[in-house]
Amino acid sequence: MTRVEFTANIVDLLYRMRLEGESPIIDFVKRSDEEQKRLFDAGLSKCDGVHKISKHQIGKAMDIYFISDGRLVSPTLGYPYWHDVWEEMGGGNRIDWDEVHFEG
């Protein structure tokens, strides 16, 4: 999946989430090498940004959170549901330890 295809597909996913009553917000769409290294050093990523490149560094990953009444919440339909939808759309497989992560 190219970066343009990823962008188009993720827009479709976000639109579907809205149509189904969810309130998604996006975070960490594109990361610098330095930010990726900082997250790795903090134990928040398994990609060091140098030897193992994150899909965020190449603009083909997005973290999606959900909000209600100004607070972060779990999606009404659940992250497994949305990952299944994303995979049906051609998106990458779910990462069990990082449920907010959607990649192309």
PDB file of N, CA and C in Angstrom:
ATOM      1  N   MET A   1       0.849  -1.175   0.000  1.00  0.00           N
ATOM      2  CA  MET A   1       0.000   0.000   0.000  1.00  0.00           C
ATOM      3  C   MET A   1       0.895   1.238   0.000  1.00  0.00           C
ATOM      4  N   THR A   2       0.679   2.123  -0.965  1.00  0.00           N
ATOM      5  CA  THR A   2       1.443   3.365  -1.020  1.00  0.00           C
ATOM      6  C   THR A   2       0.944   4.325   0.052  1.00  0.00           C
ATOM      7  N   ARG A   3       1.679   5.400   0.223  1.00  0.00           N
ATOM      8  CA  ARG A   3       1.264   6.404   1.202  1.00  0.00           C
ATOM      9  C   ARG A   3      -0.050   7.065   0.778  1.00  0.00           C
ATOM     10  N   VAL A   4      -0.229   7.300  -0.503  1.00  0.00           N
ATOM     11  CA  VAL A   4      -1.482   7.882  -0.999  1.00  0.00           C
ATOM     12  C   VAL A   4      -2.636   6.917  -0.761  1.00  0.00           C
ATOM     13  N   GLU A   5      -2.423   5.634  -1.033  1.00  0.00           N
ATOM     14  CA  GLU A   5      -3.468   4.627  -0.783  1.00  0.00           C
ATOM     15  C   GLU A   5      -3.781   4.533   0.705  1.00  0.00           C
ATOM     16  N   PHE A   6      -2.740   4.567   1.538  1.00  0.00           N
ATOM     17  CA  PHE A   6      -2.950   4.538   2.985  1.00  0.00           C
ATOM     18  C   PHE A   6      -3.817   5.716   3.418  1.00  0.00           C
ATOM     19  N   THR A   7      -3.486   6.902   2.930  1.00  0.00           N
ATOM     20  CA  THR A   7      -4.243   8.092   3.296  1.00  0.00           C
ATOM     21  C   THR A   7      -5.703   7.959   2.886  1.00  0.00           C
ATOM     22  N   ALA A   8      -5.951   7.521   1.668  1.00  0.00           N
ATOM     23  CA  ALA A   8      -7.326   7.359   1.194  1.00  0.00           C
ATOM     24  C   ALA A   8      -8.074   6.324   2.025  1.00  0.00           C
ATOM     25  N   ASN A   9      -7.437   5.208   2.325  1.00  0.00           N
ATOM     26  CA  ASN A   9      -8.089   4.152   3.098  1.00  0.00           C
ATOM     27  C   ASN A   9      -8.342   4.577   4.538  1.00  0.00           C
ATOM     28  N   ILE A  10      -7.404   5.287   5.140  1.00  0.00           N
ATOM     29  CA  ILE A  10      -7.598   5.690   6.531  1.00  0.00           C
ATOM     30  C   ILE A  10      -8.707   6.741   6.626  1.00  0.00           C
ATOM     31  N   VAL A  11      -8.824   7.599   5.608  1.00  0.00           N
ATOM     32  CA  VAL A  11      -9.932   8.554   5.574  1.00  0.00           C
ATOM     33  C   VAL A  11     -11.257   7.793   5.501  1.00  0.00           C
ATOM     34  N   ASP A  12     -11.310   6.762   4.664  1.00  0.00           N
ATOM     35  CA  ASP A  12     -12.522   5.945   4.566  1.00  0.00           C
ATOM     36  C   ASP A  12     -12.845   5.273   5.897  1.00  0.00           C
ATOM     37  N   LEU A  13     -11.810   4.778   6.589  1.00  0.00           N
ATOM     38  CA  LEU A  13     -12.023   4.142   7.891  1.00  0.00           C
ATOM     39  C   LEU A  13     -12.582   5.146   8.903  1.00  0.00           C
ATOM     40  N   LEU A  14     -11.976   6.327   8.972  1.00  0.00           N
ATOM     41  CA  LEU A  14     -12.446   7.355   9.902  1.00  0.00           C
ATOM     42  C   LEU A  14     -13.888   7.761   9.581  1.00  0.00           C
ATOM     43  N   TYR A  15     -14.210   7.863   8.306  1.00  0.00           N
ATOM     44  CA  TYR A  15     -15.572   8.204   7.900  1.00  0.00           C
ATOM     45  C   TYR A  15     -16.548   7.115   8.345  1.00  0.00           C
ATOM     46  N   ARG A  16     -16.149   5.871   8.156  1.00  0.00           N
ATOM     47  CA  ARG A  16     -17.019   4.763   8.584  1.00  0.00           C
ATOM     48  C   ARG A  16     -17.206   4.779  10.102  1.00  0.00           C
ATOM     49  N   MET A  17     -16.130   5.060  10.838  1.00  0.00           N
ATOM     50  CA  MET A  17     -16.241   5.160  12.294  1.00  0.00           C
ATOM     51  C   MET A  17     -17.273   6.215  12.680  1.00  0.00           C
ATOM     52  N   ARG A  18     -17.221   7.368  12.023  1.00  0.00           N
ATOM     53  CA  ARG A  18     -18.181   8.437  12.314  1.00  0.00           C
ATOM     54  C   ARG A  18     -19.600   8.002  11.962  1.00  0.00           C
ATOM     55  N   LEU A  19     -19.758   7.336  10.806  1.00  0.00           N
ATOM     56  CA  LEU A  19     -21.088   6.880  10.399  1.00  0.00           C
ATOM     57  C   LEU A  19     -21.677   5.888  11.398  1.00  0.00           C
ATOM     58  N   GLU A  20     -20.807   5.121  12.054  1.00  0.00           N
ATOM     59  CA  GLU A  20     -21.271   4.117  13.002  1.00  0.00           C
ATOM     60  C   GLU A  20     -21.306   4.655  14.439  1.00  0.00           C
ATOM     61  N   GLY A  21     -21.223   5.978  14.585  1.00  0.00           N
ATOM     62  CA  GLY A  21     -21.437   6.601  15.883  1.00  0.00           C
ATOM     63  C   GLY A  21     -20.220   6.792  16.761  1.00  0.00           C
ATOM     64  N   GLU A  22     -19.045   6.488  16.243  1.00  0.00           N
ATOM     65  CA  GLU A  22     -17.822   6.664  17.030  1.00  0.00           C
ATOM     66  C   GLU A  22     -17.319   8.107  16.899  1.00  0.00           C
ATOM     67  N   SER A  23     -16.443   8.505  17.807  1.00  0.00           N
ATOM     68  CA  SER A  23     -15.812   9.831  17.776  1.00  0.00           C
ATOM     69  C   SER A  23     -14.298   9.673  17.791  1.00  0.00           C
ATOM     70  N   PRO A  24     -13.716   9.291  16.625  1.00  0.00           N
ATOM     71  CA  PRO A  24     -12.274   9.069  16.579  1.00  0.00           C
ATOM     72  C   PRO A  24     -11.483  10.377  16.540  1.00  0.00           C
ATOM     73  N   ILE A  25     -10.296  10.335  17.124  1.00  0.00           N
ATOM     74  CA  ILE A  25      -9.313  11.407  16.976  1.00  0.00           C
ATOM     75  C   ILE A  25      -8.010  10.746  16.561  1.00  0.00           C
ATOM     76  N   ILE A  26      -7.183  11.482  15.837  1.00  0.00           N
ATOM     77  CA  ILE A  26      -5.941  10.900  15.316  1.00  0.00           C
ATOM     78  C   ILE A  26      -4.729  11.458  16.050  1.00  0.00           C
ATOM     79  N   ASP A  27      -3.688  10.658  16.071  1.00  0.00           N
ATOM     80  CA  ASP A  27      -2.436  11.044  16.716  1.00  0.00           C
ATOM     81  C   ASP A  27      -1.303  10.279  16.034  1.00  0.00           C
ATOM     82  N   PHE A  28      -0.111  10.798  16.150  1.00  0.00           N
ATOM     83  CA  PHE A  28       1.092  10.131  15.635  1.00  0.00           C
ATOM     84  C   PHE A  28       0.930   9.608  14.213  1.00  0.00           C
ATOM     85  N   VAL A  29       0.632  10.522  13.301  1.00  0.00           N
ATOM     86  CA  VAL A  29       0.512  10.114  11.906  1.00  0.00           C
ATOM     87  C   VAL A  29       1.896   9.973  11.281  1.00  0.00           C
ATOM     88  N   LYS A  30       2.778  10.927  11.515  1.00  0.00           N
ATOM     89  CA  LYS A  30       4.128  10.886  10.946  1.00  0.00           C
ATOM     90  C   LYS A  30       5.108  11.239  12.041  1.00  0.00           C
ATOM     91  N   ARG A  31       6.112  10.407  12.209  1.00  0.00           N
ATOM     92  CA  ARG A  31       7.108  10.634  13.256  1.00  0.00           C
ATOM     93  C   ARG A  31       8.477  10.874  12.650  1.00  0.00           C
ATOM     94  N   SER A  32       9.217  11.752  13.286  1.00  0.00           N
ATOM     95  CA  SER A  32      10.622  11.936  12.915  1.00  0.00           C
ATOM     96  C   SER A  32      11.431  10.762  13.470  1.00  0.00           C
ATOM     97  N   ASP A  33      12.634  10.597  12.956  1.00  0.00           N
ATOM     98  CA  ASP A  33      13.528   9.556  13.473  1.00  0.00           C
ATOM     99  C   ASP A  33      13.797   9.775  14.958  1.00  0.00           C
ATOM    100  N   GLU A  34      13.953  11.043  15.341  1.00  0.00           N
ATOM    101  CA  GLU A  34      14.248  11.383  16.730  1.00  0.00           C
ATOM    102  C   GLU A  34      13.079  11.022  17.652  1.00  0.00           C
ATOM    103  N   GLU A  35      11.857  11.333  17.207  1.00  0.00           N
ATOM    104  CA  GLU A  35      10.680  11.000  18.014  1.00  0.00           C
ATOM    105  C   GLU A  35      10.526   9.493  18.141  1.00  0.00           C
ATOM    106  N   GLN A  36      10.792   8.767  17.064  1.00  0.00           N
ATOM    107  CA  GLN A  36      10.694   7.312  17.107  1.00  0.00           C
ATOM    108  C   GLN A  36      11.709   6.742  18.090  1.00  0.00           C
ATOM    109  N   LYS A  37      12.916   7.270  18.076  1.00  0.00           N
ATOM    110  CA  LYS A  37      13.967   6.811  19.003  1.00  0.00           C
ATOM    111  C   LYS A  37      13.565   7.108  20.448  1.00  0.00           C
ATOM    112  N   ARG A  38      12.973   8.279  20.680  1.00  0.00           N
ATOM    113  CA  ARG A  38      12.534   8.643  22.036  1.00  0.00           C
ATOM    114  C   ARG A  38      11.476   7.664  22.534  1.00  0.00           C
ATOM    115  N   LEU A  39      10.522   7.317  21.685  1.00  0.00           N
ATOM    116  CA  LEU A  39       9.479   6.366  22.068  1.00  0.00           C
ATOM    117  C   LEU A  39      10.063   4.979  22.315  1.00  0.00           C
ATOM    118  N   PHE A  40      11.022   4.574  21.496  1.00  0.00           N
ATOM    119  CA  PHE A  40      11.702   3.292  21.685  1.00  0.00           C
ATOM    120  C   PHE A  40      12.446   3.270  23.021  1.00  0.00           C
ATOM    121  N   ASP A  41      13.195   4.326  23.286  1.00  0.00           N
ATOM    122  CA  ASP A  41      13.963   4.409  24.537  1.00  0.00           C
ATOM    123  C   ASP A  41      13.053   4.410  25.767  1.00  0.00           C
ATOM    124  N   ALA A  42      11.839   4.937  25.614  1.00  0.00           N
ATOM    125  CA  ALA A  42      10.873   4.971  26.716  1.00  0.00           C
ATOM    126  C   ALA A  42      10.095   3.663  26.832  1.00  0.00           C
ATOM    127  N   GLY A  43      10.383   2.699  25.952  1.00  0.00           N
ATOM    128  CA  GLY A  43       9.697   1.418  25.990  1.00  0.00           C
ATOM    129  C   GLY A  43       8.291   1.446  25.402  1.00  0.00           C
ATOM    130  N   LEU A  44       7.988   2.478  24.596  1.00  0.00           N
ATOM    131  CA  LEU A  44       6.655   2.632  24.019  1.00  0.00           C
ATOM    132  C   LEU A  44       6.566   2.159  22.567  1.00  0.00           C
ATOM    133  N   SER A  45       7.681   1.696  22.030  1.00  0.00           N
ATOM    134  CA  SER A  45       7.706   1.159  20.670  1.00  0.00           C
ATOM    135  C   SER A  45       8.778   0.079  20.592  1.00  0.00           C
ATOM    136  N   LYS A  46       8.560  -0.861  19.711  1.00  0.00           N
ATOM    137  CA  LYS A  46       9.561  -1.902  19.475  1.00  0.00           C
ATOM    138  C   LYS A  46      10.448  -1.575  18.286  1.00  0.00           C
ATOM    139  N   CYS A  47      10.208  -0.424  17.664  1.00  0.00           N
ATOM    140  CA  CYS A  47      11.015   0.039  16.528  1.00  0.00           C
ATOM    141  C   CYS A  47      11.949   1.142  17.015  1.00  0.00           C
ATOM    142  N   ASP A  48      13.251   0.967  16.781  1.00  0.00           N
ATOM    143  CA  ASP A  48      14.219   1.955  17.258  1.00  0.00           C
ATOM    144  C   ASP A  48      14.363   3.153  16.336  1.00  0.00           C
ATOM    145  N   GLY A  49      13.770   3.084  15.156  1.00  0.00           N
ATOM    146  CA  GLY A  49      13.819   4.205  14.228  1.00  0.00           C
ATOM    147  C   GLY A  49      15.048   4.244  13.357  1.00  0.00           C
ATOM    148  N   VAL A  50      15.997   3.333  13.603  1.00  0.00           N
ATOM    149  CA  VAL A  50      17.227   3.278  12.810  1.00  0.00           C
ATOM    150  C   VAL A  50      17.364   1.907  12.157  1.00  0.00           C
ATOM    151  N   HIS A  51      17.453   0.878  12.973  1.00  0.00           N
ATOM    152  CA  HIS A  51      17.593  -0.484  12.455  1.00  0.00           C
ATOM    153  C   HIS A  51      16.238  -1.108  12.141  1.00  0.00           C
ATOM    154  N   LYS A  52      15.251  -0.733  12.910  1.00  0.00           N
ATOM    155  CA  LYS A  52      13.883  -1.185  12.666  1.00  0.00           C
ATOM    156  C   LYS A  52      13.008   0.062  12.540  1.00  0.00           C
ATOM    157  N   ILE A  53      12.602   0.337  11.308  1.00  0.00           N
ATOM    158  CA  ILE A  53      11.850   1.544  10.984  1.00  0.00           C
ATOM    159  C   ILE A  53      10.362   1.317  11.266  1.00  0.00           C
ATOM    160  N   SER A  54       9.740   2.303  11.886  1.00  0.00           N
ATOM    161  CA  SER A  54       8.307   2.263  12.151  1.00  0.00           C
ATOM    162  C   SER A  54       7.552   2.738  10.914  1.00  0.00           C
ATOM    163  N   LYS A  55       6.363   2.195  10.710  1.00  0.00           N
ATOM    164  CA  LYS A  55       5.507   2.673   9.614  1.00  0.00           C
ATOM    165  C   LYS A  55       5.130   4.144   9.820  1.00  0.00           C
ATOM    166  N   HIS A  56       5.177   4.619  11.067  1.00  0.00           N
ATOM    167  CA  HIS A  56       4.913   6.036  11.322  1.00  0.00           C
ATOM    168  C   HIS A  56       5.980   6.914  10.670  1.00  0.00           C
ATOM    169  N   GLN A  57       7.201   6.442  10.633  1.00  0.00           N
ATOM    170  CA  GLN A  57       8.283   7.231  10.059  1.00  0.00           C
ATOM    171  C   GLN A  57       8.127   7.419   8.552  1.00  0.00           C
ATOM    172  N   ILE A  58       7.424   6.503   7.912  1.00  0.00           N
ATOM    173  CA  ILE A  58       7.246   6.611   6.457  1.00  0.00           C
ATOM    174  C   ILE A  58       5.828   7.046   6.095  1.00  0.00           C
ATOM    175  N   GLY A  59       5.073   7.497   7.103  1.00  0.00           N
ATOM    176  CA  GLY A  59       3.744   8.051   6.865  1.00  0.00           C
ATOM    177  C   GLY A  59       2.692   7.033   6.497  1.00  0.00           C
ATOM    178  N   LYS A  60       2.878   5.786   6.945  1.00  0.00           N
ATOM    179  CA  LYS A  60       1.911   4.741   6.623  1.00  0.00           C
ATOM    180  C   LYS A  60       1.360   4.073   7.875  1.00  0.00           C
ATOM    181  N   ALA A  61       1.196   4.893   8.928  1.00  0.00           N
ATOM    182  CA  ALA A  61       0.587   4.411  10.172  1.00  0.00           C
ATOM    183  C   ALA A  61      -0.055   5.597  10.877  1.00  0.00           C
ATOM    184  N   MET A  62      -1.094   5.288  11.636  1.00  0.00           N
ATOM    185  CA  MET A  62      -1.796   6.305  12.401  1.00  0.00           C
ATOM    186  C   MET A  62      -2.307   5.668  13.687  1.00  0.00           C
ATOM    187  N   ASP A  63      -2.215   6.408  14.771  1.00  0.00           N
ATOM    188  CA  ASP A  63      -2.833   5.975  16.010  1.00  0.00           C
ATOM    189  C   ASP A  63      -4.204   6.634  16.082  1.00  0.00           C
ATOM    190  N   ILE A  64      -5.226   5.835  16.391  1.00  0.00           N
ATOM    191  CA  ILE A  64      -6.588   6.343  16.478  1.00  0.00           C
ATOM    192  C   ILE A  64      -7.104   6.110  17.896  1.00  0.00           C
ATOM    193  N   TYR A  65      -7.510   7.199  18.515  1.00  0.00           N
ATOM    194  CA  TYR A  65      -8.127   7.164  19.840  1.00  0.00           C
ATOM    195  C   TYR A  65      -9.589   7.575  19.690  1.00  0.00           C
ATOM    196  N   PHE A  66     -10.347   7.411  20.747  1.00  0.00           N
ATOM    197  CA  PHE A  66     -11.763   7.779  20.735  1.00  0.00           C
ATOM    198  C   PHE A  66     -12.039   8.656  21.940  1.00  0.00           C
ATOM    199  N   ILE A  67     -12.940   9.595  21.759  1.00  0.00           N
ATOM    200  CA  ILE A  67     -13.202  10.580  22.802  1.00  0.00           C
ATOM    201  C   ILE A  67     -14.707  10.699  23.048  1.00  0.00           C
ATOM    202  N   SER A  68     -15.065  10.899  24.300  1.00  0.00           N
ATOM    203  CA  SER A  68     -16.456  11.152  24.684  1.00  0.00           C
ATOM    204  C   SER A  68     -16.433  12.092  25.874  1.00  0.00           C
ATOM    205  N   ASP A  69     -17.211  13.149  25.792  1.00  0.00           N
ATOM    206  CA  ASP A  69     -17.262  14.149  26.868  1.00  0.00           C
ATOM    207  C   ASP A  69     -15.868  14.641  27.251  1.00  0.00           C
ATOM    208  N   GLY A  70     -14.994  14.803  26.250  1.00  0.00           N
ATOM    209  CA  GLY A  70     -13.647  15.317  26.489  1.00  0.00           C
ATOM    210  C   GLY A  70     -12.671  14.333  27.091  1.00  0.00           C
ATOM    211  N   ARG A  71     -13.073  13.048  27.204  1.00  0.00           N
ATOM    212  CA  ARG A  71     -12.191  12.036  27.792  1.00  0.00           C
ATOM    213  C   ARG A  71     -11.903  10.935  26.775  1.00  0.00           C
ATOM    214  N   LEU A  72     -10.719  10.355  26.878  1.00  0.00           N
ATOM    215  CA  LEU A  72     -10.409   9.194  26.047  1.00  0.00           C
ATOM    216  C   LEU A  72     -11.216   7.999  26.541  1.00  0.00           C
ATOM    217  N   VAL A  73     -11.813   7.289  25.601  1.00  0.00           N
ATOM    218  CA  VAL A  73     -12.625   6.115  25.926  1.00  0.00           C
ATOM    219  C   VAL A  73     -12.308   5.011  24.928  1.00  0.00           C
ATOM    220  N   SER A  74     -12.746   3.817  25.230  1.00  0.00           N
ATOM    221  CA  SER A  74     -12.671   2.730  24.265  1.00  0.00           C
ATOM    222  C   SER A  74     -13.761   2.942  23.222  1.00  0.00           C
ATOM    223  N   PRO A  75     -13.502   2.538  21.980  1.00  0.00           N
ATOM    224  CA  PRO A  75     -14.559   2.685  20.976  1.00  0.00           C
ATOM    225  C   PRO A  75     -15.769   1.839  21.354  1.00  0.00           C
ATOM    226  N   THR A  76     -16.957   2.333  21.048  1.00  0.00           N
ATOM    227  CA  THR A  76     -18.189   1.627  21.374  1.00  0.00           C
ATOM    228  C   THR A  76     -18.188   0.217  20.800  1.00  0.00           C
ATOM    229  N   LEU A  77     -17.730   0.085  19.562  1.00  0.00           N
ATOM    230  CA  LEU A  77     -17.722  -1.224  18.905  1.00  0.00           C
ATOM    231  C   LEU A  77     -16.457  -2.024  19.203  1.00  0.00           C
ATOM    232  N   GLY A  78     -15.492  -1.431  19.887  1.00  0.00           N
ATOM    233  CA  GLY A  78     -14.275  -2.116  20.293  1.00  0.00           C
ATOM    234  C   GLY A  78     -13.160  -2.025  19.263  1.00  0.00           C
ATOM    235  N   TYR A  79     -11.937  -2.005  19.747  1.00  0.00           N
ATOM    236  CA  TYR A  79     -10.782  -1.972  18.845  1.00  0.00           C
ATOM    237  C   TYR A  79     -10.703  -3.220  17.959  1.00  0.00           C
ATOM    238  N   PRO A  80     -10.984  -4.418  18.483  1.00  0.00           N
ATOM    239  CA  PRO A  80     -10.943  -5.590  17.587  1.00  0.00           C
ATOM    240  C   PRO A  80     -11.868  -5.438  16.385  1.00  0.00           C
ATOM    241  N   TYR A  81     -13.052  -4.887  16.600  1.00  0.00           N
ATOM    242  CA  TYR A  81     -13.987  -4.662  15.495  1.00  0.00           C
ATOM    243  C   TYR A  81     -13.355  -3.751  14.442  1.00  0.00           C
ATOM    244  N   TRP A  82     -12.788  -2.630  14.889  1.00  0.00           N
ATOM    245  CA  TRP A  82     -12.229  -1.675  13.935  1.00  0.00           C
ATOM    246  C   TRP A  82     -10.986  -2.205  13.239  1.00  0.00           C
ATOM    247  N   HIS A  83     -10.212  -3.020  13.933  1.00  0.00           N
ATOM    248  CA  HIS A  83      -9.069  -3.639  13.259  1.00  0.00           C
ATOM    249  C   HIS A  83      -9.536  -4.643  12.209  1.00  0.00           C
ATOM    250  N   ASP A  84     -10.594  -5.374  12.496  1.00  0.00           N
ATOM    251  CA  ASP A  84     -11.148  -6.297  11.491  1.00  0.00           C
ATOM    252  C   ASP A  84     -11.621  -5.521  10.263  1.00  0.00           C
ATOM    253  N   VAL A  85     -12.293  -4.405  10.478  1.00  0.00           N
ATOM    254  CA  VAL A  85     -12.737  -3.567   9.356  1.00  0.00           C
ATOM    255  C   VAL A  85     -11.526  -3.092   8.567  1.00  0.00           C
ATOM    256  N   TRP A  86     -10.499  -2.616   9.277  1.00  0.00           N
ATOM    257  CA  TRP A  86      -9.295  -2.107   8.621  1.00  0.00           C
ATOM    258  C   TRP A  86      -8.620  -3.215   7.791  1.00  0.00           C
ATOM    259  N   GLU A  87      -8.517  -4.400   8.326  1.00  0.00           N
ATOM    260  CA  GLU A  87      -7.903  -5.505   7.589  1.00  0.00           C
ATOM    261  C   GLU A  87      -8.734  -5.858   6.353  1.00  0.00           C
ATOM    262  N   GLU A  88     -10.061  -5.810   6.464  1.00  0.00           N
ATOM    263  CA  GLU A  88     -10.928  -6.051   5.304  1.00  0.00           C
ATOM    264  C   GLU A  88     -10.714  -5.001   4.222  1.00  0.00           C
ATOM    265  N   MET A  89     -10.312  -3.800   4.622  1.00  0.00           N
ATOM    266  CA  MET A  89     -10.051  -2.713   3.681  1.00  0.00           C
ATOM    267  C   MET A  89      -8.649  -2.803   3.082  1.00  0.00           C
ATOM    268  N   GLY A  90      -7.886  -3.808   3.481  1.00  0.00           N
ATOM    269  CA  GLY A  90      -6.528  -3.975   2.964  1.00  0.00           C
ATOM    270  C   GLY A  90      -5.456  -3.444   3.877  1.00  0.00           C
ATOM    271  N   GLY A  91      -5.838  -3.007   5.066  1.00  0.00           N
ATOM    272  CA  GLY A  91      -4.871  -2.475   6.025  1.00  0.00           C
ATOM    273  C   GLY A  91      -4.046  -3.577   6.665  1.00  0.00           C
ATOM    274  N   GLY A  92      -3.008  -3.166   7.369  1.00  0.00           N
ATOM    275  CA  GLY A  92      -2.111  -4.105   8.019  1.00  0.00           C
ATOM    276  C   GLY A  92      -2.755  -4.804   9.200  1.00  0.00           C
ATOM    277  N   ASN A  93      -2.114  -5.883   9.611  1.00  0.00           N
ATOM    278  CA  ASN A  93      -2.602  -6.676  10.743  1.00  0.00           C
ATOM    279  C   ASN A  93      -2.495  -5.894  12.043  1.00  0.00           C
ATOM    280  N   ARG A  94      -3.364  -6.244  12.953  1.00  0.00           N
ATOM    281  CA  ARG A  94      -3.382  -5.628  14.282  1.00  0.00           C
ATOM    282  C   ARG A  94      -2.126  -6.030  15.044  1.00  0.00           C
ATOM    283  N   ILE A  95      -1.650  -5.118  15.870  1.00  0.00           N
ATOM    284  CA  ILE A  95      -0.544  -5.386  16.789  1.00  0.00           C
ATOM    285  C   ILE A  95      -1.172  -5.526  18.166  1.00  0.00           C
ATOM    286  N   ASP A  96      -1.141  -6.712  18.729  1.00  0.00           N
ATOM    287  CA  ASP A  96      -1.870  -6.996  19.970  1.00  0.00           C
ATOM    288  C   ASP A  96      -1.545  -6.036  21.111  1.00  0.00           C
ATOM    289  N   TRP A  97      -0.297  -5.659  21.247  1.00  0.00           N
ATOM    290  CA  TRP A  97       0.086  -4.814  22.372  1.00  0.00           C
ATOM    291  C   TRP A  97      -0.123  -3.321  22.090  1.00  0.00           C
ATOM    292  N   ASP A  98      -0.586  -2.961  20.881  1.00  0.00           N
ATOM    293  CA  ASP A  98      -0.752  -1.551  20.501  1.00  0.00           C
ATOM    294  C   ASP A  98      -2.081  -1.373  19.765  1.00  0.00           C
ATOM    295  N   GLU A  99      -3.198  -1.469  20.507  1.00  0.00           N
ATOM    296  CA  GLU A  99      -4.506  -1.503  19.896  1.00  0.00           C
ATOM    297  C   GLU A  99      -4.879  -0.219  19.153  1.00  0.00           C
ATOM    298  N   VAL A 100      -4.254   0.905  19.478  1.00  0.00           N
ATOM    299  CA  VAL A 100      -4.597   2.169  18.822  1.00  0.00           C
ATOM    300  C   VAL A 100      -3.918   2.331  17.468  1.00  0.00           C
ATOM    301  N   HIS A 101      -3.003   1.446  17.141  1.00  0.00           N
ATOM    302  CA  HIS A 101      -2.155   1.547  15.941  1.00  0.00           C
ATOM    303  C   HIS A 101      -2.817   0.905  14.729  1.00  0.00           C
ATOM    304  N   PHE A 102      -2.933   1.677  13.650  1.00  0.00           N
ATOM    305  CA  PHE A 102      -3.457   1.195  12.371  1.00  0.00           C
ATOM    306  C   PHE A 102      -2.402   1.513  11.313  1.00  0.00           C
ATOM    307  N   GLU A 103      -1.957   0.495  10.586  1.00  0.00           N
ATOM    308  CA  GLU A 103      -0.915   0.728   9.581  1.00  0.00           C
ATOM    309  C   GLU A 103      -1.304   0.125   8.236  1.00  0.00           C
ATOM    310  N   GLY A 104      -0.651   0.670   7.205  1.00  0.00           N
ATOM    311  CA  GLY A 104      -0.889   0.208   5.840  1.00  0.00           C
ATOM    312  C   GLY A 104       0.149  -0.745   5.378  1.00  0.00           C
TER     313      GLY A 104
END
